Amino acid sequence: MNRITTLVAAAAATLAVATPMAASAAPWQTINARQARIDARIDQGIRSGALNRNEAYRLRSDFRALSAREADYRRSGGLSYRERADLDRRFDALSARVKVQKHDGQHRRW
């Protein structure tokens, strides 16, 4: 009986630890997936008129610069933890700028 109680307690502890890790791992995206998603959001903003020409140009320039930085990092033999964190921070900032520019009330002036 004592052995069963110990196994049940160990299983419960494992489940309690694994559940938050699985939940936090679900929204994680690869660098390539983040790039594709941001690129698609910029395209959608251009098509809908939510981004004007200047906004789209600046966002595309920032996107290309970030892609070039990622390529430089990868050339050195893959992404280190520090490089991955830097790219994540920069992608977060670019994503926030896309959101702000799409919702700032300035519309297409093509």
PDB file of N, CA and C in Angstrom:
ATOM      1  N   MET A   1       0.830  -1.192   0.000  1.00  0.00           N
ATOM      2  CA  MET A   1       0.000   0.000   0.000  1.00  0.00           C
ATOM      3  C   MET A   1       0.870   1.250   0.000  1.00  0.00           C
ATOM      4  N   ASN A   2       1.938   1.230   0.778  1.00  0.00           N
ATOM      5  CA  ASN A   2       2.835   2.379   0.862  1.00  0.00           C
ATOM      6  C   ASN A   2       3.498   2.655  -0.485  1.00  0.00           C
ATOM      7  N   ARG A   3       3.833   1.588  -1.222  1.00  0.00           N
ATOM      8  CA  ARG A   3       4.467   1.734  -2.533  1.00  0.00           C
ATOM      9  C   ARG A   3       3.510   2.391  -3.535  1.00  0.00           C
ATOM     10  N   ILE A   4       2.249   2.010  -3.495  1.00  0.00           N
ATOM     11  CA  ILE A   4       1.247   2.595  -4.398  1.00  0.00           C
ATOM     12  C   ILE A   4       1.078   4.078  -4.086  1.00  0.00           C
ATOM     13  N   THR A   5       1.021   4.432  -2.827  1.00  0.00           N
ATOM     14  CA  THR A   5       0.902   5.834  -2.435  1.00  0.00           C
ATOM     15  C   THR A   5       2.082   6.640  -2.934  1.00  0.00           C
ATOM     16  N   THR A   6       3.271   6.071  -2.841  1.00  0.00           N
ATOM     17  CA  THR A   6       4.476   6.749  -3.313  1.00  0.00           C
ATOM     18  C   THR A   6       4.437   6.942  -4.819  1.00  0.00           C
ATOM     19  N   LEU A   7       3.993   5.917  -5.567  1.00  0.00           N
ATOM     20  CA  LEU A   7       3.894   6.021  -7.024  1.00  0.00           C
ATOM     21  C   LEU A   7       2.861   7.063  -7.441  1.00  0.00           C
ATOM     22  N   VAL A   8       1.724   7.091  -6.760  1.00  0.00           N
ATOM     23  CA  VAL A   8       0.684   8.067  -7.066  1.00  0.00           C
ATOM     24  C   VAL A   8       1.198   9.485  -6.788  1.00  0.00           C
ATOM     25  N   ALA A   9       1.891   9.667  -5.692  1.00  0.00           N
ATOM     26  CA  ALA A   9       2.443  10.984  -5.355  1.00  0.00           C
ATOM     27  C   ALA A   9       3.489  11.412  -6.380  1.00  0.00           C
ATOM     28  N   ALA A  10       4.320  10.475  -6.807  1.00  0.00           N
ATOM     29  CA  ALA A  10       5.340  10.798  -7.824  1.00  0.00           C
ATOM     30  C   ALA A  10       4.688  11.158  -9.148  1.00  0.00           C
ATOM     31  N   ALA A  11       3.640  10.425  -9.523  1.00  0.00           N
ATOM     32  CA  ALA A  11       2.934  10.725 -10.772  1.00  0.00           C
ATOM     33  C   ALA A  11       2.260  12.093 -10.699  1.00  0.00           C
ATOM     34  N   ALA A  12       1.661  12.401  -9.569  1.00  0.00           N
ATOM     35  CA  ALA A  12       1.016  13.706  -9.407  1.00  0.00           C
ATOM     36  C   ALA A  12       2.036  14.833  -9.468  1.00  0.00           C
ATOM     37  N   ALA A  13       3.187  14.633  -8.860  1.00  0.00           N
ATOM     38  CA  ALA A  13       4.233  15.661  -8.898  1.00  0.00           C
ATOM     39  C   ALA A  13       4.754  15.858 -10.310  1.00  0.00           C
ATOM     40  N   THR A  14       4.932  14.753 -11.035  1.00  0.00           N
ATOM     41  CA  THR A  14       5.383  14.847 -12.424  1.00  0.00           C
ATOM     42  C   THR A  14       4.365  15.587 -13.271  1.00  0.00           C
ATOM     43  N   LEU A  15       3.105  15.278 -13.104  1.00  0.00           N
ATOM     44  CA  LEU A  15       2.045  15.945 -13.848  1.00  0.00           C
ATOM     45  C   LEU A  15       1.979  17.424 -13.508  1.00  0.00           C
ATOM     46  N   ALA A  16       2.152  17.756 -12.245  1.00  0.00           N
ATOM     47  CA  ALA A  16       2.105  19.161 -11.825  1.00  0.00           C
ATOM     48  C   ALA A  16       3.253  19.960 -12.433  1.00  0.00           C
ATOM     49  N   VAL A  17       4.397  19.327 -12.607  1.00  0.00           N
ATOM     50  CA  VAL A  17       5.544  20.006 -13.194  1.00  0.00           C
ATOM     51  C   VAL A  17       5.419  20.062 -14.705  1.00  0.00           C
ATOM     52  N   ALA A  18       4.942  19.009 -15.342  1.00  0.00           N
ATOM     53  CA  ALA A  18       4.880  18.922 -16.801  1.00  0.00           C
ATOM     54  C   ALA A  18       3.780  19.791 -17.391  1.00  0.00           C
ATOM     55  N   THR A  19       2.668  19.963 -16.696  1.00  0.00           N
ATOM     56  CA  THR A  19       1.548  20.723 -17.242  1.00  0.00           C
ATOM     57  C   THR A  19       1.905  22.180 -17.522  1.00  0.00           C
ATOM     58  N   PRO A  20       2.518  22.944 -16.599  1.00  0.00           N
ATOM     59  CA  PRO A  20       2.874  24.317 -16.929  1.00  0.00           C
ATOM     60  C   PRO A  20       3.903  24.403 -18.059  1.00  0.00           C
ATOM     61  N   MET A  21       4.821  23.444 -18.137  1.00  0.00           N
ATOM     62  CA  MET A  21       5.813  23.475 -19.206  1.00  0.00           C
ATOM     63  C   MET A  21       5.141  23.251 -20.551  1.00  0.00           C
ATOM     64  N   ALA A  22       4.178  22.336 -20.610  1.00  0.00           N
ATOM     65  CA  ALA A  22       3.477  22.076 -21.867  1.00  0.00           C
ATOM     66  C   ALA A  22       2.635  23.282 -22.266  1.00  0.00           C
ATOM     67  N   ALA A  23       2.019  23.931 -21.298  1.00  0.00           N
ATOM     68  CA  ALA A  23       1.206  25.100 -21.604  1.00  0.00           C
ATOM     69  C   ALA A  23       2.055  26.259 -22.081  1.00  0.00           C
ATOM     70  N   SER A  24       3.224  26.434 -21.501  1.00  0.00           N
ATOM     71  CA  SER A  24       4.069  27.547 -21.909  1.00  0.00           C
ATOM     72  C   SER A  24       4.765  27.253 -23.230  1.00  0.00           C
ATOM     73  N   ALA A  25       4.935  25.981 -23.590  1.00  0.00           N
ATOM     74  CA  ALA A  25       5.611  25.639 -24.830  1.00  0.00           C
ATOM     75  C   ALA A  25       4.692  25.787 -26.035  1.00  0.00           C
ATOM     76  N   ALA A  26       3.405  25.767 -25.837  1.00  0.00           N
ATOM     77  CA  ALA A  26       2.460  25.810 -26.949  1.00  0.00           C
ATOM     78  C   ALA A  26       2.579  27.081 -27.793  1.00  0.00           C
ATOM     79  N   PRO A  27       2.683  28.293 -27.223  1.00  0.00           N
ATOM     80  CA  PRO A  27       2.713  29.474 -28.073  1.00  0.00           C
ATOM     81  C   PRO A  27       4.090  29.765 -28.693  1.00  0.00           C
ATOM     82  N   TRP A  28       5.104  28.996 -28.356  1.00  0.00           N
ATOM     83  CA  TRP A  28       6.439  29.250 -28.871  1.00  0.00           C
ATOM     84  C   TRP A  28       6.467  29.008 -30.366  1.00  0.00           C
ATOM     85  N   GLN A  29       7.151  29.899 -31.087  1.00  0.00           N
ATOM     86  CA  GLN A  29       7.273  29.772 -32.532  1.00  0.00           C
ATOM     87  C   GLN A  29       8.737  29.801 -32.913  1.00  0.00           C
ATOM     88  N   THR A  30       9.061  29.145 -34.005  1.00  0.00           N
ATOM     89  CA  THR A  30      10.419  29.217 -34.511  1.00  0.00           C
ATOM     90  C   THR A  30      10.663  30.604 -35.083  1.00  0.00           C
ATOM     91  N   ILE A  31      11.917  30.933 -35.290  1.00  0.00           N
ATOM     92  CA  ILE A  31      12.270  32.218 -35.889  1.00  0.00           C
ATOM     93  C   ILE A  31      11.629  32.336 -37.266  1.00  0.00           C
ATOM     94  N   ASN A  32      11.695  31.277 -38.060  1.00  0.00           N
ATOM     95  CA  ASN A  32      11.124  31.317 -39.404  1.00  0.00           C
ATOM     96  C   ASN A  32       9.611  31.520 -39.373  1.00  0.00           C
ATOM     97  N   ALA A  33       8.940  30.906 -38.414  1.00  0.00           N
ATOM     98  CA  ALA A  33       7.492  31.080 -38.289  1.00  0.00           C
ATOM     99  C   ALA A  33       7.158  32.514 -37.901  1.00  0.00           C
ATOM    100  N   ARG A  34       7.957  33.091 -37.014  1.00  0.00           N
ATOM    101  CA  ARG A  34       7.720  34.483 -36.623  1.00  0.00           C
ATOM    102  C   ARG A  34       7.931  35.417 -37.806  1.00  0.00           C
ATOM    103  N   GLN A  35       8.984  35.156 -38.586  1.00  0.00           N
ATOM    104  CA  GLN A  35       9.239  35.982 -39.769  1.00  0.00           C
ATOM    105  C   GLN A  35       8.067  35.898 -40.732  1.00  0.00           C
ATOM    106  N   ALA A  36       7.595  34.700 -40.998  1.00  0.00           N
ATOM    107  CA  ALA A  36       6.481  34.512 -41.927  1.00  0.00           C
ATOM    108  C   ALA A  36       5.227  35.217 -41.425  1.00  0.00           C
ATOM    109  N   ARG A  37       4.978  35.131 -40.130  1.00  0.00           N
ATOM    110  CA  ARG A  37       3.773  35.753 -39.574  1.00  0.00           C
ATOM    111  C   ARG A  37       3.845  37.279 -39.653  1.00  0.00           C
ATOM    112  N   ILE A  38       4.984  37.849 -39.330  1.00  0.00           N
ATOM    113  CA  ILE A  38       5.129  39.307 -39.407  1.00  0.00           C
ATOM    114  C   ILE A  38       5.036  39.767 -40.857  1.00  0.00           C
ATOM    115  N   ASP A  39       5.671  39.032 -41.760  1.00  0.00           N
ATOM    116  CA  ASP A  39       5.612  39.369 -43.182  1.00  0.00           C
ATOM    117  C   ASP A  39       4.169  39.338 -43.681  1.00  0.00           C
ATOM    118  N   ALA A  40       3.415  38.329 -43.271  1.00  0.00           N
ATOM    119  CA  ALA A  40       2.010  38.227 -43.671  1.00  0.00           C
ATOM    120  C   ALA A  40       1.188  39.379 -43.093  1.00  0.00           C
ATOM    121  N   ARG A  41       1.490  39.794 -41.866  1.00  0.00           N
ATOM    122  CA  ARG A  41       0.752  40.918 -41.267  1.00  0.00           C
ATOM    123  C   ARG A  41       1.034  42.220 -42.004  1.00  0.00           C
ATOM    124  N   ILE A  42       2.278  42.411 -42.432  1.00  0.00           N
ATOM    125  CA  ILE A  42       2.613  43.609 -43.206  1.00  0.00           C
ATOM    126  C   ILE A  42       1.880  43.566 -44.540  1.00  0.00           C
ATOM    127  N   ASP A  43       1.910  42.410 -45.217  1.00  0.00           N
ATOM    128  CA  ASP A  43       1.192  42.267 -46.495  1.00  0.00           C
ATOM    129  C   ASP A  43      -0.292  42.553 -46.326  1.00  0.00           C
ATOM    130  N   GLN A  44      -0.886  42.013 -45.276  1.00  0.00           N
ATOM    131  CA  GLN A  44      -2.314  42.224 -45.037  1.00  0.00           C
ATOM    132  C   GLN A  44      -2.607  43.695 -44.787  1.00  0.00           C
ATOM    133  N   GLY A  45      -1.724  44.374 -44.058  1.00  0.00           N
ATOM    134  CA  GLY A  45      -1.907  45.802 -43.799  1.00  0.00           C
ATOM    135  C   GLY A  45      -1.825  46.630 -45.068  1.00  0.00           C
ATOM    136  N   ILE A  46      -0.963  46.240 -45.971  1.00  0.00           N
ATOM    137  CA  ILE A  46      -0.850  46.932 -47.257  1.00  0.00           C
ATOM    138  C   ILE A  46      -2.114  46.704 -48.084  1.00  0.00           C
ATOM    139  N   ARG A  47      -2.562  45.441 -48.169  1.00  0.00           N
ATOM    140  CA  ARG A  47      -3.757  45.120 -48.957  1.00  0.00           C
ATOM    141  C   ARG A  47      -5.004  45.819 -48.421  1.00  0.00           C
ATOM    142  N   SER A  48      -5.136  45.876 -47.110  1.00  0.00           N
ATOM    143  CA  SER A  48      -6.344  46.462 -46.526  1.00  0.00           C
ATOM    144  C   SER A  48      -6.300  47.989 -46.489  1.00  0.00           C
ATOM    145  N   GLY A  49      -5.106  48.549 -46.692  1.00  0.00           N
ATOM    146  CA  GLY A  49      -4.970  49.996 -46.628  1.00  0.00           C
ATOM    147  C   GLY A  49      -4.673  50.512 -45.229  1.00  0.00           C
ATOM    148  N   ALA A  50      -4.519  49.614 -44.258  1.00  0.00           N
ATOM    149  CA  ALA A  50      -4.224  50.027 -42.888  1.00  0.00           C
ATOM    150  C   ALA A  50      -2.819  50.607 -42.779  1.00  0.00           C
ATOM    151  N   LEU A  51      -1.927  50.224 -43.699  1.00  0.00           N
ATOM    152  CA  LEU A  51      -0.575  50.780 -43.742  1.00  0.00           C
ATOM    153  C   LEU A  51      -0.449  51.677 -44.966  1.00  0.00           C
ATOM    154  N   ASN A  52       0.049  52.883 -44.748  1.00  0.00           N
ATOM    155  CA  ASN A  52       0.301  53.732 -45.901  1.00  0.00           C
ATOM    156  C   ASN A  52       1.690  53.418 -46.459  1.00  0.00           C
ATOM    157  N   ARG A  53       2.055  54.070 -47.538  1.00  0.00           N
ATOM    158  CA  ARG A  53       3.301  53.761 -48.227  1.00  0.00           C
ATOM    159  C   ARG A  53       4.526  53.929 -47.330  1.00  0.00           C
ATOM    160  N   ASN A  54       4.590  55.035 -46.595  1.00  0.00           N
ATOM    161  CA  ASN A  54       5.751  55.286 -45.730  1.00  0.00           C
ATOM    162  C   ASN A  54       5.852  54.267 -44.603  1.00  0.00           C
ATOM    163  N   GLU A  55       4.723  53.946 -43.991  1.00  0.00           N
ATOM    164  CA  GLU A  55       4.727  52.952 -42.921  1.00  0.00           C
ATOM    165  C   GLU A  55       5.194  51.594 -43.439  1.00  0.00           C
ATOM    166  N   ALA A  56       4.649  51.194 -44.589  1.00  0.00           N
ATOM    167  CA  ALA A  56       5.018  49.903 -45.165  1.00  0.00           C
ATOM    168  C   ALA A  56       6.501  49.868 -45.509  1.00  0.00           C
ATOM    169  N   TYR A  57       7.010  50.952 -46.063  1.00  0.00           N
ATOM    170  CA  TYR A  57       8.427  51.010 -46.429  1.00  0.00           C
ATOM    171  C   TYR A  57       9.316  50.863 -45.199  1.00  0.00           C
ATOM    172  N   ARG A  58       9.000  51.599 -44.134  1.00  0.00           N
ATOM    173  CA  ARG A  58       9.812  51.513 -42.908  1.00  0.00           C
ATOM    174  C   ARG A  58       9.740  50.121 -42.279  1.00  0.00           C
ATOM    175  N   LEU A  59       8.541  49.553 -42.230  1.00  0.00           N
ATOM    176  CA  LEU A  59       8.398  48.217 -41.637  1.00  0.00           C
ATOM    177  C   LEU A  59       9.136  47.170 -42.463  1.00  0.00           C
ATOM    178  N   ARG A  60       9.043  47.270 -43.794  1.00  0.00           N
ATOM    179  CA  ARG A  60       9.767  46.327 -44.659  1.00  0.00           C
ATOM    180  C   ARG A  60      11.283  46.486 -44.482  1.00  0.00           C
ATOM    181  N   SER A  61      11.751  47.720 -44.359  1.00  0.00           N
ATOM    182  CA  SER A  61      13.184  47.954 -44.145  1.00  0.00           C
ATOM    183  C   SER A  61      13.643  47.335 -42.830  1.00  0.00           C
ATOM    184  N   ASP A  62      12.872  47.542 -41.778  1.00  0.00           N
ATOM    185  CA  ASP A  62      13.200  46.948 -40.477  1.00  0.00           C
ATOM    186  C   ASP A  62      13.172  45.428 -40.555  1.00  0.00           C
ATOM    187  N   PHE A  63      12.196  44.884 -41.280  1.00  0.00           N
ATOM    188  CA  PHE A  63      12.076  43.442 -41.433  1.00  0.00           C
ATOM    189  C   PHE A  63      13.297  42.882 -42.168  1.00  0.00           C
ATOM    190  N   ARG A  64      13.716  43.538 -43.251  1.00  0.00           N
ATOM    191  CA  ARG A  64      14.891  43.074 -43.997  1.00  0.00           C
ATOM    192  C   ARG A  64      16.158  43.147 -43.143  1.00  0.00           C
ATOM    193  N   ALA A  65      16.309  44.224 -42.380  1.00  0.00           N
ATOM    194  CA  ALA A  65      17.483  44.355 -41.510  1.00  0.00           C
ATOM    195  C   ALA A  65      17.503  43.250 -40.459  1.00  0.00           C
ATOM    196  N   LEU A  66      16.354  42.926 -39.908  1.00  0.00           N
ATOM    197  CA  LEU A  66      16.276  41.865 -38.911  1.00  0.00           C
ATOM    198  C   LEU A  66      16.576  40.501 -39.540  1.00  0.00           C
ATOM    199  N   SER A  67      16.096  40.284 -40.743  1.00  0.00           N
ATOM    200  CA  SER A  67      16.391  39.034 -41.450  1.00  0.00           C
ATOM    201  C   SER A  67      17.881  38.917 -41.748  1.00  0.00           C
ATOM    202  N   ALA A  68      18.517  40.030 -42.099  1.00  0.00           N
ATOM    203  CA  ALA A  68      19.960  40.024 -42.357  1.00  0.00           C
ATOM    204  C   ALA A  68      20.736  39.720 -41.078  1.00  0.00           C
ATOM    205  N   ARG A  69      20.290  40.279 -39.957  1.00  0.00           N
ATOM    206  CA  ARG A  69      20.944  39.999 -38.678  1.00  0.00           C
ATOM    207  C   ARG A  69      20.826  38.520 -38.335  1.00  0.00           C
ATOM    208  N   GLU A  70      19.647  37.956 -38.561  1.00  0.00           N
ATOM    209  CA  GLU A  70      19.466  36.533 -38.297  1.00  0.00           C
ATOM    210  C   GLU A  70      20.403  35.701 -39.171  1.00  0.00           C
ATOM    211  N   ALA A  71      20.530  36.054 -40.439  1.00  0.00           N
ATOM    212  CA  ALA A  71      21.428  35.324 -41.344  1.00  0.00           C
ATOM    213  C   ALA A  71      22.875  35.422 -40.864  1.00  0.00           C
ATOM    214  N   ASP A  72      23.273  36.579 -40.379  1.00  0.00           N
ATOM    215  CA  ASP A  72      24.625  36.736 -39.829  1.00  0.00           C
ATOM    216  C   ASP A  72      24.835  35.827 -38.618  1.00  0.00           C
ATOM    217  N   TYR A  73      23.851  35.794 -37.742  1.00  0.00           N
ATOM    218  CA  TYR A  73      23.946  34.934 -36.569  1.00  0.00           C
ATOM    219  C   TYR A  73      24.055  33.465 -36.984  1.00  0.00           C
ATOM    220  N   ARG A  74      23.256  33.053 -37.948  1.00  0.00           N
ATOM    221  CA  ARG A  74      23.255  31.653 -38.363  1.00  0.00           C
ATOM    222  C   ARG A  74      24.555  31.263 -39.063  1.00  0.00           C
ATOM    223  N   ARG A  75      25.197  32.205 -39.736  1.00  0.00           N
ATOM    224  CA  ARG A  75      26.461  31.922 -40.410  1.00  0.00           C
ATOM    225  C   ARG A  75      27.563  31.515 -39.447  1.00  0.00           C
ATOM    226  N   SER A  76      27.446  31.955 -38.207  1.00  0.00           N
ATOM    227  CA  SER A  76      28.477  31.653 -37.214  1.00  0.00           C
ATOM    228  C   SER A  76      28.307  30.266 -36.600  1.00  0.00           C
ATOM    229  N   GLY A  77      27.483  29.438 -37.207  1.00  0.00           N
ATOM    230  CA  GLY A  77      27.340  28.066 -36.712  1.00  0.00           C
ATOM    231  C   GLY A  77      26.056  27.811 -35.950  1.00  0.00           C
ATOM    232  N   GLY A  78      25.034  28.573 -36.188  1.00  0.00           N
ATOM    233  CA  GLY A  78      23.765  28.380 -35.488  1.00  0.00           C
ATOM    234  C   GLY A  78      23.524  29.485 -34.484  1.00  0.00           C
ATOM    235  N   LEU A  79      22.349  29.453 -33.891  1.00  0.00           N
ATOM    236  CA  LEU A  79      21.959  30.496 -32.949  1.00  0.00           C
ATOM    237  C   LEU A  79      22.330  30.099 -31.526  1.00  0.00           C
ATOM    238  N   SER A  80      23.065  30.962 -30.858  1.00  0.00           N
ATOM    239  CA  SER A  80      23.339  30.746 -29.444  1.00  0.00           C
ATOM    240  C   SER A  80      22.122  31.229 -28.650  1.00  0.00           C
ATOM    241  N   TYR A  81      22.127  30.963 -27.369  1.00  0.00           N
ATOM    242  CA  TYR A  81      21.027  31.415 -26.519  1.00  0.00           C
ATOM    243  C   TYR A  81      20.919  32.939 -26.547  1.00  0.00           C
ATOM    244  N   ARG A  82      22.056  33.626 -26.483  1.00  0.00           N
ATOM    245  CA  ARG A  82      22.061  35.090 -26.492  1.00  0.00           C
ATOM    246  C   ARG A  82      21.535  35.631 -27.825  1.00  0.00           C
ATOM    247  N   GLU A  83      21.927  35.016 -28.928  1.00  0.00           N
ATOM    248  CA  GLU A  83      21.467  35.463 -30.244  1.00  0.00           C
ATOM    249  C   GLU A  83      19.967  35.217 -30.395  1.00  0.00           C
ATOM    250  N   ARG A  84      19.500  34.080 -29.929  1.00  0.00           N
ATOM    251  CA  ARG A  84      18.074  33.770 -29.977  1.00  0.00           C
ATOM    252  C   ARG A  84      17.276  34.783 -29.156  1.00  0.00           C
ATOM    253  N   ALA A  85      17.766  35.110 -27.972  1.00  0.00           N
ATOM    254  CA  ALA A  85      17.087  36.092 -27.121  1.00  0.00           C
ATOM    255  C   ALA A  85      17.074  37.469 -27.785  1.00  0.00           C
ATOM    256  N   ASP A  86      18.180  37.838 -28.431  1.00  0.00           N
ATOM    257  CA  ASP A  86      18.245  39.119 -29.139  1.00  0.00           C
ATOM    258  C   ASP A  86      17.229  39.149 -30.272  1.00  0.00           C
ATOM    259  N   LEU A  87      17.167  38.083 -31.057  1.00  0.00           N
ATOM    260  CA  LEU A  87      16.196  38.031 -32.152  1.00  0.00           C
ATOM    261  C   LEU A  87      14.765  38.048 -31.633  1.00  0.00           C
ATOM    262  N   ASP A  88      14.499  37.318 -30.567  1.00  0.00           N
ATOM    263  CA  ASP A  88      13.153  37.325 -29.982  1.00  0.00           C
ATOM    264  C   ASP A  88      12.751  38.733 -29.554  1.00  0.00           C
ATOM    265  N   ARG A  89      13.668  39.431 -28.900  1.00  0.00           N
ATOM    266  CA  ARG A  89      13.380  40.796 -28.459  1.00  0.00           C
ATOM    267  C   ARG A  89      13.119  41.710 -29.659  1.00  0.00           C
ATOM    268  N   ARG A  90      13.942  41.589 -30.687  1.00  0.00           N
ATOM    269  CA  ARG A  90      13.770  42.429 -31.880  1.00  0.00           C
ATOM    270  C   ARG A  90      12.485  42.087 -32.641  1.00  0.00           C
ATOM    271  N   PHE A  91      12.145  40.795 -32.728  1.00  0.00           N
ATOM    272  CA  PHE A  91      10.890  40.419 -33.375  1.00  0.00           C
ATOM    273  C   PHE A  91       9.690  40.917 -32.575  1.00  0.00           C
ATOM    274  N   ASP A  92       9.778  40.874 -31.249  1.00  0.00           N
ATOM    275  CA  ASP A  92       8.695  41.417 -30.422  1.00  0.00           C
ATOM    276  C   ASP A  92       8.501  42.902 -30.705  1.00  0.00           C
ATOM    277  N   ALA A  93       9.606  43.643 -30.787  1.00  0.00           N
ATOM    278  CA  ALA A  93       9.526  45.082 -31.036  1.00  0.00           C
ATOM    279  C   ALA A  93       8.953  45.358 -32.431  1.00  0.00           C
ATOM    280  N   LEU A  94       9.396  44.600 -33.433  1.00  0.00           N
ATOM    281  CA  LEU A  94       8.883  44.797 -34.788  1.00  0.00           C
ATOM    282  C   LEU A  94       7.401  44.450 -34.854  1.00  0.00           C
ATOM    283  N   SER A  95       7.006  43.377 -34.205  1.00  0.00           N
ATOM    284  CA  SER A  95       5.600  42.995 -34.178  1.00  0.00           C
ATOM    285  C   SER A  95       4.746  44.087 -33.532  1.00  0.00           C
ATOM    286  N   ALA A  96       5.243  44.675 -32.458  1.00  0.00           N
ATOM    287  CA  ALA A  96       4.515  45.766 -31.794  1.00  0.00           C
ATOM    288  C   ALA A  96       4.414  46.978 -32.715  1.00  0.00           C
ATOM    289  N   ARG A  97       5.485  47.281 -33.456  1.00  0.00           N
ATOM    290  CA  ARG A  97       5.438  48.417 -34.390  1.00  0.00           C
ATOM    291  C   ARG A  97       4.439  48.165 -35.515  1.00  0.00           C
ATOM    292  N   VAL A  98       4.366  46.932 -36.008  1.00  0.00           N
ATOM    293  CA  VAL A  98       3.377  46.605 -37.038  1.00  0.00           C
ATOM    294  C   VAL A  98       1.975  46.848 -36.495  1.00  0.00           C
ATOM    295  N   LYS A  99       1.725  46.401 -35.287  1.00  0.00           N
ATOM    296  CA  LYS A  99       0.400  46.582 -34.680  1.00  0.00           C
ATOM    297  C   LYS A  99       0.062  48.061 -34.531  1.00  0.00           C
ATOM    298  N   VAL A 100       1.002  48.842 -34.031  1.00  0.00           N
ATOM    299  CA  VAL A 100       0.759  50.268 -33.839  1.00  0.00           C
ATOM    300  C   VAL A 100       0.492  50.957 -35.178  1.00  0.00           C
ATOM    301  N   GLN A 101       1.318  50.659 -36.162  1.00  0.00           N
ATOM    302  CA  GLN A 101       1.168  51.315 -37.459  1.00  0.00           C
ATOM    303  C   GLN A 101      -0.138  50.925 -38.153  1.00  0.00           C
ATOM    304  N   LYS A 102      -0.571  49.687 -37.972  1.00  0.00           N
ATOM    305  CA  LYS A 102      -1.817  49.256 -38.603  1.00  0.00           C
ATOM    306  C   LYS A 102      -3.040  49.895 -37.955  1.00  0.00           C
ATOM    307  N   HIS A 103      -2.913  50.296 -36.695  1.00  0.00           N
ATOM    308  CA  HIS A 103      -4.072  50.815 -35.975  1.00  0.00           C
ATOM    309  C   HIS A 103      -3.951  52.289 -35.610  1.00  0.00           C
ATOM    310  N   ASP A 104      -3.081  53.027 -36.295  1.00  0.00           N
ATOM    311  CA  ASP A 104      -2.867  54.425 -35.924  1.00  0.00           C
ATOM    312  C   ASP A 104      -3.806  55.393 -36.635  1.00  0.00           C
ATOM    313  N   GLY A 105      -4.688  54.897 -37.457  1.00  0.00           N
ATOM    314  CA  GLY A 105      -5.659  55.769 -38.112  1.00  0.00           C
ATOM    315  C   GLY A 105      -5.158  56.402 -39.397  1.00  0.00           C
ATOM    316  N   GLN A 106      -3.916  56.197 -39.744  1.00  0.00           N
ATOM    317  CA  GLN A 106      -3.411  56.681 -41.019  1.00  0.00           C
ATOM    318  C   GLN A 106      -3.708  55.606 -42.058  1.00  0.00           C
ATOM    319  N   HIS A 107      -4.282  56.023 -43.154  1.00  0.00           N
ATOM    320  CA  HIS A 107      -4.669  55.048 -44.156  1.00  0.00           C
ATOM    321  C   HIS A 107      -3.867  55.221 -45.420  1.00  0.00           C
ATOM    322  N   ARG A 108      -4.063  54.302 -46.323  1.00  0.00           N
ATOM    323  CA  ARG A 108      -3.312  54.250 -47.565  1.00  0.00           C
ATOM    324  C   ARG A 108      -3.393  55.572 -48.320  1.00  0.00           C
ATOM    325  N   ARG A 109      -2.241  56.005 -48.759  1.00  0.00           N
ATOM    326  CA  ARG A 109      -2.159  57.181 -49.646  1.00  0.00           C
ATOM    327  C   ARG A 109      -1.280  56.805 -50.817  1.00  0.00           C
ATOM    328  N   TRP A 110      -1.771  55.913 -51.663  1.00  0.00           N
ATOM    329  CA  TRP A 110      -0.974  55.422 -52.792  1.00  0.00           C
ATOM    330  C   TRP A 110      -1.217  56.284 -53.949  1.00  0.00           C
TER     331      TRP A 110
END
